[in-house]
N, C-alpha and C. Protein backbone atom coordinates (compact mmCIF):
# COMPACT_ATOMS: atom_id res chain seq x y z
N MET A 1 -20.45 -2.18 8.17
CA MET A 1 -19.68 -2.41 7.02
C MET A 1 -20.21 -1.59 5.77
N THR A 2 -19.34 -1.19 5.08
CA THR A 2 -19.29 -0.20 3.86
C THR A 2 -18.85 -0.67 2.69
N ASP A 3 -19.39 -0.02 1.60
CA ASP A 3 -18.86 -0.60 -0.06
C ASP A 3 -18.62 0.77 -0.22
N HIS A 4 -17.51 1.11 -0.53
CA HIS A 4 -17.37 2.81 -1.17
C HIS A 4 -17.95 3.53 -0.44
N GLY A 5 -18.36 3.60 0.86
CA GLY A 5 -18.92 4.61 1.90
C GLY A 5 -20.42 4.60 1.69
N GLN A 6 -20.91 3.37 1.04
CA GLN A 6 -22.52 3.07 1.29
C GLN A 6 -22.67 2.04 2.13
N SER A 7 -23.47 1.98 2.69
CA SER A 7 -24.15 0.77 3.54
C SER A 7 -24.94 -0.28 2.68
N ILE A 8 -24.13 -1.66 3.02
CA ILE A 8 -24.51 -2.70 2.52
C ILE A 8 -25.16 -3.89 2.76
N THR A 9 -25.57 -4.72 2.63
CA THR A 9 -26.49 -6.04 2.95
C THR A 9 -25.24 -6.30 3.96
N PHE A 10 -25.89 -7.01 5.27
CA PHE A 10 -24.86 -8.07 5.81
C PHE A 10 -24.70 -9.51 5.24
N GLY A 11 -23.84 -10.18 5.38
CA GLY A 11 -23.45 -11.26 4.83
C GLY A 11 -24.68 -12.50 5.57
N PRO A 12 -24.36 -13.67 5.31
CA PRO A 12 -23.09 -14.32 4.80
C PRO A 12 -22.93 -14.05 3.31
N PHE A 13 -21.62 -14.29 3.10
CA PHE A 13 -21.05 -13.93 2.02
C PHE A 13 -20.43 -15.07 1.35
N TYR A 14 -20.86 -15.31 0.04
CA TYR A 14 -20.40 -16.72 -0.41
C TYR A 14 -19.41 -15.79 -1.78
N TYR A 15 -18.93 -16.80 -2.58
CA TYR A 15 -17.94 -16.21 -3.51
C TYR A 15 -18.46 -15.39 -4.42
N GLU A 16 -19.67 -15.53 -4.51
CA GLU A 16 -20.50 -14.84 -5.93
C GLU A 16 -20.67 -13.36 -5.56
N ASP A 17 -21.11 -13.22 -3.98
CA ASP A 17 -21.25 -12.28 -3.30
C ASP A 17 -20.30 -11.15 -3.57
N LEU A 18 -19.15 -11.45 -3.35
CA LEU A 18 -18.04 -10.29 -3.31
C LEU A 18 -17.50 -10.17 -4.79
N SER A 19 -16.98 -8.81 -4.41
CA SER A 19 -16.22 -7.91 -5.86
C SER A 19 -14.86 -7.44 -5.62
N ILE A 20 -14.22 -7.31 -6.64
CA ILE A 20 -13.20 -6.57 -6.13
C ILE A 20 -13.32 -5.24 -5.96
N GLY A 21 -12.66 -4.60 -4.61
CA GLY A 21 -12.84 -3.49 -4.47
C GLY A 21 -13.86 -3.21 -3.23
N GLN A 22 -14.51 -4.37 -3.34
CA GLN A 22 -15.52 -4.39 -2.02
C GLN A 22 -14.65 -3.67 -0.28
N ARG A 23 -15.04 -3.35 0.34
CA ARG A 23 -14.61 -2.98 1.41
C ARG A 23 -15.56 -3.45 2.59
N PHE A 24 -14.73 -3.58 3.73
CA PHE A 24 -15.76 -3.89 4.85
C PHE A 24 -15.01 -3.00 6.07
N VAL A 25 -15.36 -2.53 7.01
CA VAL A 25 -15.03 -2.08 8.38
C VAL A 25 -15.47 -2.43 9.79
N SER A 26 -14.37 -2.83 10.32
CA SER A 26 -14.54 -3.08 11.78
C SER A 26 -14.99 -2.47 12.71
N GLY A 27 -15.40 -2.71 13.94
CA GLY A 27 -15.38 -1.76 15.12
C GLY A 27 -14.17 -1.77 15.83
N THR A 28 -14.24 -1.12 16.76
CA THR A 28 -12.88 -0.84 17.49
C THR A 28 -12.76 -1.92 18.77
N HIS A 29 -11.31 -1.63 18.91
CA HIS A 29 -10.82 -2.28 20.19
C HIS A 29 -9.67 -1.73 20.95
N MET A 30 -10.01 -1.44 22.25
CA MET A 30 -8.89 -0.53 22.99
C MET A 30 -8.12 -1.63 23.62
N VAL A 31 -6.91 -1.42 23.61
CA VAL A 31 -5.67 -2.13 23.91
C VAL A 31 -5.07 -1.56 25.24
N ASP A 32 -5.01 -2.13 26.32
CA ASP A 32 -4.27 -1.46 27.66
C ASP A 32 -3.17 -2.30 28.24
N GLU A 33 -2.65 -1.77 28.98
CA GLU A 33 -1.48 -2.44 29.08
C GLU A 33 -1.62 -3.87 30.00
N GLU A 34 -2.71 -4.00 30.94
CA GLU A 34 -2.91 -5.43 31.12
C GLU A 34 -3.26 -6.18 30.25
N GLN A 35 -3.90 -6.04 29.01
CA GLN A 35 -3.99 -7.10 28.07
C GLN A 35 -2.57 -7.26 27.10
N ILE A 36 -1.87 -6.48 26.97
CA ILE A 36 -0.25 -6.39 26.70
C ILE A 36 0.48 -7.47 27.53
N ILE A 37 0.50 -7.31 28.40
CA ILE A 37 1.30 -8.17 29.66
C ILE A 37 0.92 -9.39 29.34
N ALA A 38 -0.35 -9.63 29.73
CA ALA A 38 -0.99 -10.91 29.85
C ALA A 38 -0.97 -11.79 28.84
N PHE A 39 -1.11 -11.22 27.63
CA PHE A 39 -0.89 -11.89 26.40
C PHE A 39 0.35 -12.33 26.05
N ALA A 40 1.60 -11.48 26.17
CA ALA A 40 2.88 -11.60 25.96
C ALA A 40 2.96 -12.51 27.30
N LYS A 41 3.04 -12.40 28.29
CA LYS A 41 3.37 -13.48 29.58
C LYS A 41 2.86 -14.92 29.17
N GLN A 42 1.80 -15.25 28.06
CA GLN A 42 1.74 -16.41 27.95
C GLN A 42 2.27 -16.99 26.43
N PHE A 43 2.33 -15.98 25.62
CA PHE A 43 2.77 -16.39 24.31
C PHE A 43 4.12 -15.69 23.78
N ASP A 44 4.35 -14.46 24.28
CA ASP A 44 5.50 -13.71 23.60
C ASP A 44 6.29 -13.09 24.74
N PRO A 45 6.93 -13.90 25.88
CA PRO A 45 7.55 -13.33 27.13
C PRO A 45 8.85 -12.44 26.82
N GLN A 46 8.61 -11.44 26.03
CA GLN A 46 10.18 -10.47 25.81
C GLN A 46 9.89 -9.40 26.77
N PRO A 47 10.61 -8.89 27.31
CA PRO A 47 10.58 -7.28 28.37
C PRO A 47 10.11 -6.44 27.55
N PHE A 48 10.17 -6.14 26.37
CA PHE A 48 9.16 -4.94 25.92
C PHE A 48 7.62 -5.49 25.81
N HIS A 49 7.59 -6.17 26.37
CA HIS A 49 6.01 -6.82 26.05
C HIS A 49 5.37 -6.83 27.30
N THR A 50 6.36 -7.28 28.49
CA THR A 50 5.91 -7.73 30.01
C THR A 50 6.38 -6.79 30.98
N ASP A 51 7.12 -6.21 30.67
CA ASP A 51 7.91 -5.39 31.88
C ASP A 51 7.75 -3.71 31.14
N PRO A 52 6.66 -2.65 31.84
CA PRO A 52 6.83 -1.19 31.38
C PRO A 52 8.00 -0.68 31.56
N GLU A 53 8.97 -1.17 32.80
CA GLU A 53 10.23 -0.25 32.90
C GLU A 53 11.35 -0.78 32.44
N ALA A 54 11.27 -2.47 32.18
CA ALA A 54 12.55 -2.75 31.17
C ALA A 54 12.35 -2.49 29.83
N ALA A 55 10.94 -2.35 29.28
CA ALA A 55 10.63 -1.89 27.95
C ALA A 55 11.41 -0.41 27.63
N LYS A 56 11.31 0.55 28.84
CA LYS A 56 11.93 1.80 28.25
C LYS A 56 13.17 1.81 27.88
N GLY A 57 14.08 0.71 28.15
CA GLY A 57 15.44 0.64 27.44
C GLY A 57 15.71 -0.23 26.54
N THR A 58 14.53 -0.45 25.57
CA THR A 58 14.71 -1.37 24.45
C THR A 58 14.62 -0.64 23.40
N PHE A 59 14.81 -1.11 22.13
CA PHE A 59 14.28 -0.65 20.66
C PHE A 59 13.10 0.15 20.90
N PHE A 60 12.03 -0.22 21.50
CA PHE A 60 10.59 0.57 21.42
C PHE A 60 10.37 1.46 22.52
N GLN A 61 11.37 1.59 23.47
CA GLN A 61 11.23 2.63 24.37
C GLN A 61 9.91 2.78 25.26
N GLY A 62 9.36 1.67 25.22
CA GLY A 62 8.55 1.66 25.99
C GLY A 62 7.54 0.18 25.78
N LEU A 63 6.62 -0.25 26.33
CA LEU A 63 6.12 -1.32 26.52
C LEU A 63 5.02 -1.31 25.23
N VAL A 64 4.94 -2.48 24.44
CA VAL A 64 4.46 -2.38 23.06
C VAL A 64 3.69 -3.93 23.27
N ALA A 65 2.21 -4.17 22.28
CA ALA A 65 1.87 -5.49 22.08
C ALA A 65 3.01 -6.27 21.29
N SER A 66 2.92 -7.50 21.66
CA SER A 66 3.44 -8.55 20.77
C SER A 66 2.78 -8.19 19.19
N GLY A 67 3.43 -8.30 18.39
CA GLY A 67 2.64 -8.49 16.71
C GLY A 67 1.76 -9.48 16.74
N TRP A 68 1.95 -10.68 17.33
CA TRP A 68 1.02 -11.54 17.45
C TRP A 68 -0.21 -11.11 18.42
N HIS A 69 -0.12 -10.32 18.98
CA HIS A 69 -1.45 -9.86 19.87
C HIS A 69 -1.94 -9.26 19.01
N THR A 70 -1.29 -8.27 18.00
CA THR A 70 -2.18 -7.37 17.36
C THR A 70 -2.82 -8.40 16.11
N ALA A 71 -2.12 -9.13 16.09
CA ALA A 71 -2.57 -10.20 14.75
C ALA A 71 -3.75 -10.47 15.05
N ALA A 72 -3.88 -11.17 16.38
CA ALA A 72 -5.07 -11.65 17.21
C ALA A 72 -6.36 -10.68 17.44
N ILE A 73 -5.99 -9.50 17.62
CA ILE A 73 -7.09 -8.75 17.80
C ILE A 73 -7.37 -8.54 16.55
N THR A 74 -6.81 -8.16 15.48
CA THR A 74 -7.25 -7.93 14.00
C THR A 74 -8.19 -9.36 13.70
N MET A 75 -7.56 -10.26 14.20
CA MET A 75 -8.53 -11.46 13.56
C MET A 75 -9.92 -11.54 14.16
N ARG A 76 -9.66 -11.15 15.31
CA ARG A 76 -11.49 -10.74 16.18
C ARG A 76 -12.35 -9.85 15.68
N LEU A 77 -11.35 -8.29 15.13
CA LEU A 77 -12.19 -7.69 13.96
C LEU A 77 -12.56 -7.78 13.18
N LEU A 78 -11.86 -8.73 12.31
CA LEU A 78 -12.22 -8.98 11.13
C LEU A 78 -13.38 -9.95 10.88
N VAL A 79 -13.33 -10.86 11.62
CA VAL A 79 -14.69 -11.81 12.30
C VAL A 79 -15.81 -10.92 12.57
N GLU A 80 -15.79 -9.78 12.98
CA GLU A 80 -16.79 -8.93 13.53
C GLU A 80 -17.08 -8.03 12.49
N SER A 81 -16.47 -7.97 11.46
CA SER A 81 -16.33 -6.69 10.47
C SER A 81 -17.53 -6.51 9.47
N GLY A 82 -18.20 -7.88 9.41
CA GLY A 82 -19.36 -7.90 8.42
C GLY A 82 -18.95 -8.81 7.01
N LEU A 83 -17.71 -8.93 7.01
CA LEU A 83 -17.14 -10.12 6.05
C LEU A 83 -17.49 -11.55 6.64
N THR A 84 -18.79 -11.73 6.68
CA THR A 84 -19.28 -13.10 7.06
C THR A 84 -19.10 -14.21 5.84
N ILE A 85 -18.35 -15.15 6.20
CA ILE A 85 -18.37 -16.34 5.50
C ILE A 85 -18.87 -17.83 5.75
N PRO A 86 -19.48 -18.20 5.21
CA PRO A 86 -20.49 -19.61 5.76
C PRO A 86 -19.37 -20.49 6.10
N GLY A 87 -19.47 -21.02 6.96
CA GLY A 87 -18.45 -22.15 7.37
C GLY A 87 -17.24 -21.60 8.33
N GLY A 88 -17.23 -20.05 8.36
CA GLY A 88 -15.93 -19.25 9.11
C GLY A 88 -15.10 -18.84 8.03
N MET A 89 -14.15 -18.06 8.56
CA MET A 89 -13.05 -17.47 7.55
C MET A 89 -11.88 -18.52 7.79
N ILE A 90 -11.98 -19.29 6.72
CA ILE A 90 -10.73 -20.20 6.56
C ILE A 90 -9.37 -19.60 5.93
N GLY A 91 -8.42 -19.56 6.27
CA GLY A 91 -7.08 -18.87 5.46
C GLY A 91 -6.59 -19.99 4.80
N ALA A 92 -6.14 -19.73 3.51
CA ALA A 92 -4.92 -20.96 2.97
C ALA A 92 -3.67 -20.26 3.09
N ALA A 93 -3.69 -18.79 3.12
CA ALA A 93 -2.06 -18.16 3.18
C ALA A 93 -2.33 -16.76 3.85
N ALA A 94 -1.34 -16.15 4.29
CA ALA A 94 -0.96 -14.72 4.85
C ALA A 94 0.11 -14.45 4.90
N GLU A 95 0.35 -13.21 4.72
CA GLU A 95 1.54 -12.45 5.14
C GLU A 95 1.27 -11.17 5.99
N ALA A 96 1.99 -10.99 6.93
CA ALA A 96 1.94 -9.80 8.10
C ALA A 96 2.86 -8.92 7.97
N THR A 97 2.51 -7.74 8.02
CA THR A 97 3.72 -6.67 8.59
C THR A 97 3.51 -5.74 9.43
N TRP A 98 4.31 -5.56 10.40
CA TRP A 98 3.84 -4.67 11.48
C TRP A 98 4.57 -3.10 11.45
N PRO A 99 4.27 -1.89 10.58
CA PRO A 99 5.27 -0.83 10.61
C PRO A 99 5.00 0.05 11.74
N ARG A 100 4.18 -0.21 12.52
CA ARG A 100 4.28 0.35 13.57
C ARG A 100 3.96 -0.41 14.93
N PRO A 101 4.30 -0.05 16.28
CA PRO A 101 3.87 -1.13 17.24
C PRO A 101 2.38 -0.49 17.85
N THR A 102 1.84 -1.40 18.39
CA THR A 102 0.43 -0.99 19.37
C THR A 102 0.88 -0.96 20.49
N ARG A 103 0.80 0.36 21.22
CA ARG A 103 1.11 0.70 22.48
C ARG A 103 -0.07 0.58 23.27
N PRO A 104 -0.36 0.53 24.46
CA PRO A 104 -1.45 0.78 25.53
C PRO A 104 -2.07 2.10 25.40
N GLY A 105 -3.09 1.93 25.18
CA GLY A 105 -4.45 2.88 25.12
C GLY A 105 -4.81 3.13 23.63
N ASP A 106 -4.07 2.61 22.68
CA ASP A 106 -4.37 2.35 21.30
C ASP A 106 -5.77 1.54 21.25
N THR A 107 -6.54 2.37 20.27
CA THR A 107 -7.81 1.95 19.82
C THR A 107 -7.66 1.41 18.10
N LEU A 108 -7.85 -0.01 18.20
CA LEU A 108 -7.69 -0.41 16.53
C LEU A 108 -8.93 -0.85 16.14
N ARG A 109 -8.89 -0.48 14.57
CA ARG A 109 -9.69 -0.57 13.92
C ARG A 109 -9.30 -1.47 12.57
N VAL A 110 -10.27 -2.08 11.86
CA VAL A 110 -9.59 -2.84 10.62
C VAL A 110 -10.26 -2.51 9.48
N GLU A 111 -9.68 -2.19 8.50
CA GLU A 111 -10.46 -1.77 6.97
C GLU A 111 -9.85 -2.95 6.11
N VAL A 112 -10.50 -3.62 5.54
CA VAL A 112 -10.56 -4.58 4.62
C VAL A 112 -11.13 -4.42 3.13
N GLU A 113 -10.31 -4.91 2.10
CA GLU A 113 -10.75 -4.71 0.64
C GLU A 113 -10.29 -5.96 0.22
N VAL A 114 -11.43 -6.52 -0.76
CA VAL A 114 -11.05 -7.63 -1.35
C VAL A 114 -10.44 -7.35 -2.83
N ILE A 115 -9.41 -7.77 -2.81
CA ILE A 115 -8.66 -7.59 -3.80
C ILE A 115 -8.33 -8.51 -4.90
N GLU A 116 -8.78 -9.72 -4.89
CA GLU A 116 -8.62 -10.70 -5.95
C GLU A 116 -9.72 -11.83 -5.68
N LEU A 117 -10.50 -12.20 -6.67
CA LEU A 117 -11.27 -13.51 -6.67
C LEU A 117 -10.60 -14.56 -7.66
N ARG A 118 -10.90 -15.99 -7.51
CA ARG A 118 -9.98 -16.82 -8.09
C ARG A 118 -10.88 -18.08 -8.05
N LEU A 119 -11.43 -18.74 -8.99
CA LEU A 119 -12.01 -19.93 -9.14
C LEU A 119 -11.32 -21.02 -9.09
N LEU A 120 -11.26 -22.02 -8.08
CA LEU A 120 -10.36 -23.54 -8.14
C LEU A 120 -10.89 -24.41 -8.93
N ARG A 121 -10.00 -24.82 -9.74
CA ARG A 121 -10.76 -26.08 -10.92
C ARG A 121 -10.71 -26.98 -9.91
N SER A 122 -9.93 -27.38 -8.96
CA SER A 122 -9.76 -28.82 -8.11
C SER A 122 -10.92 -28.70 -7.18
N ARG A 123 -11.77 -27.84 -6.84
CA ARG A 123 -12.39 -27.52 -5.70
C ARG A 123 -13.88 -26.47 -6.46
N PRO A 124 -14.67 -27.30 -7.41
CA PRO A 124 -15.45 -26.18 -8.07
C PRO A 124 -16.63 -25.95 -6.86
N ASP A 125 -16.62 -25.96 -5.81
CA ASP A 125 -17.43 -25.83 -4.55
C ASP A 125 -16.89 -24.76 -3.64
N ARG A 126 -15.75 -24.03 -4.13
CA ARG A 126 -14.96 -22.79 -3.53
C ARG A 126 -14.33 -22.24 -4.23
N GLY A 127 -14.13 -20.74 -3.95
CA GLY A 127 -13.06 -19.89 -4.32
C GLY A 127 -12.34 -19.54 -3.63
N LEU A 128 -11.13 -19.20 -4.13
CA LEU A 128 -10.09 -18.07 -3.40
C LEU A 128 -10.34 -16.81 -3.46
N VAL A 129 -10.37 -15.94 -2.47
CA VAL A 129 -10.55 -14.63 -2.14
C VAL A 129 -9.17 -14.23 -1.58
N THR A 130 -8.50 -13.11 -2.11
CA THR A 130 -7.56 -12.39 -1.52
C THR A 130 -7.89 -11.28 -0.90
N ILE A 131 -7.57 -10.88 0.50
CA ILE A 131 -8.08 -9.79 1.18
C ILE A 131 -6.93 -8.98 1.37
N ARG A 132 -6.80 -7.85 1.34
CA ARG A 132 -5.87 -6.61 2.24
C ARG A 132 -6.52 -6.12 3.53
N SER A 133 -6.24 -6.39 4.71
CA SER A 133 -6.26 -5.41 5.73
C SER A 133 -5.43 -4.92 6.20
N GLU A 134 -5.94 -3.45 6.78
CA GLU A 134 -5.18 -2.65 7.33
C GLU A 134 -5.67 -2.46 8.88
N THR A 135 -5.00 -2.88 9.98
CA THR A 135 -5.32 -2.45 11.15
C THR A 135 -4.46 -0.98 11.71
N LEU A 136 -5.86 -0.41 11.87
CA LEU A 136 -5.37 1.14 12.12
C LEU A 136 -5.62 1.46 13.54
N ASN A 137 -4.43 2.51 14.05
CA ASN A 137 -4.92 2.89 15.77
C ASN A 137 -5.68 4.16 15.21
N GLN A 138 -6.04 4.83 16.62
CA GLN A 138 -6.85 5.75 16.70
C GLN A 138 -6.71 7.07 16.07
N ASN A 139 -5.29 6.99 15.35
CA ASN A 139 -5.00 8.24 14.54
C ASN A 139 -4.85 7.96 13.31
N GLY A 140 -5.00 6.80 12.83
CA GLY A 140 -5.14 6.37 11.46
C GLY A 140 -3.88 5.82 10.94
N GLU A 141 -3.01 5.67 12.12
CA GLU A 141 -1.80 4.89 11.61
C GLU A 141 -1.56 3.26 11.53
N VAL A 142 -1.25 2.96 10.55
CA VAL A 142 -1.24 1.45 10.47
C VAL A 142 -0.28 0.58 11.07
N ALA A 143 -1.09 -0.38 12.26
CA ALA A 143 0.17 -0.85 12.93
C ALA A 143 0.02 -2.06 12.34
N GLN A 144 -0.60 -2.95 11.54
CA GLN A 144 -0.77 -3.93 10.93
C GLN A 144 -1.04 -4.09 9.41
N THR A 145 -0.40 -4.75 8.53
CA THR A 145 -1.30 -4.77 7.08
C THR A 145 -1.05 -6.56 7.23
N LEU A 146 -2.07 -6.58 6.39
CA LEU A 146 -2.60 -8.25 6.46
C LEU A 146 -2.95 -8.72 4.91
N MET A 147 -2.44 -9.59 4.23
CA MET A 147 -2.67 -10.01 2.95
C MET A 147 -3.26 -11.55 3.25
N ALA A 148 -4.37 -11.80 3.11
CA ALA A 148 -4.60 -13.13 3.51
C ALA A 148 -5.49 -13.93 2.11
N LYS A 149 -5.15 -15.06 1.74
CA LYS A 149 -6.17 -15.86 0.95
C LYS A 149 -7.02 -16.57 1.59
N LEU A 150 -8.37 -16.43 1.22
CA LEU A 150 -9.08 -17.30 2.10
C LEU A 150 -10.19 -18.17 1.06
N PHE A 151 -10.31 -19.18 1.58
CA PHE A 151 -11.43 -20.01 1.24
C PHE A 151 -12.93 -19.57 1.31
N VAL A 152 -13.77 -19.44 0.15
CA VAL A 152 -15.02 -19.16 0.23
C VAL A 152 -15.66 -19.90 -0.54
N PRO A 153 -16.89 -20.35 0.46
CA PRO A 153 -17.86 -21.68 -0.21
C PRO A 153 -18.55 -20.79 -1.85
N ARG A 154 -18.96 -21.46 -2.62
CA ARG A 154 -19.68 -20.99 -3.73
C ARG A 154 -20.96 -21.46 -3.68
N ARG A 155 -22.43 -20.65 -4.00
CA ARG A 155 -23.63 -21.11 -3.46
C ARG A 155 -23.66 -22.18 -4.71
N VAL A 156 -24.50 -22.96 -4.14
CA VAL A 156 -24.68 -24.52 -4.65
C VAL A 156 -25.20 -24.51 -6.20
N ASN A 157 -26.15 -23.76 -6.18
CA ASN A 157 -26.35 -23.43 -7.49
C ASN A 157 -25.68 -23.03 -8.73
N SER A 158 -24.67 -22.30 -8.44
CA SER A 158 -23.57 -21.68 -9.22
C SER A 158 -22.33 -22.98 -9.36
N VAL A 159 -22.31 -23.94 -8.63
CA VAL A 159 -21.71 -25.17 -9.11
C VAL A 159 -21.91 -26.00 -10.10
N PRO A 160 -21.25 -25.96 -11.34
CA PRO A 160 -21.44 -27.02 -12.56
C PRO A 160 -21.58 -28.30 -12.01
N PRO A 161 -22.65 -28.98 -12.64
CA PRO A 161 -23.10 -30.49 -12.37
C PRO A 161 -21.82 -31.26 -12.86
């Protein structure tokens, strides 16, 4: 986990511990053909995800991971990125884009930045934190962007009586 290139303390992170511009970087995950096909057979059974030969004649001109597979890997890497939130990473909303496909042999990592902090009047025990994450392959190319709003608990002593 880094904050502008400097090592910082690991969480758990409460709302008050986070700041706009704070960054977290995950470890990596290598994606192989077997993972792509297994995920797709269960959750997104389209030929460009399940059949390497058939995939050659598609829009992608080869086997690619489902965007949902990339999203699932992103979630795993986010959870392991050091952005540890008490009670877990609970989303309120999210928007994902996939500017380039994930292919067999890609090694993915996630870079996360806190971009907005908002207190919730209706729930003084938590805040809403907006993060922007980029899932990058081994060449630094963006495979997925994710804007997510997370419910993050506040420290008990910071909640007004």
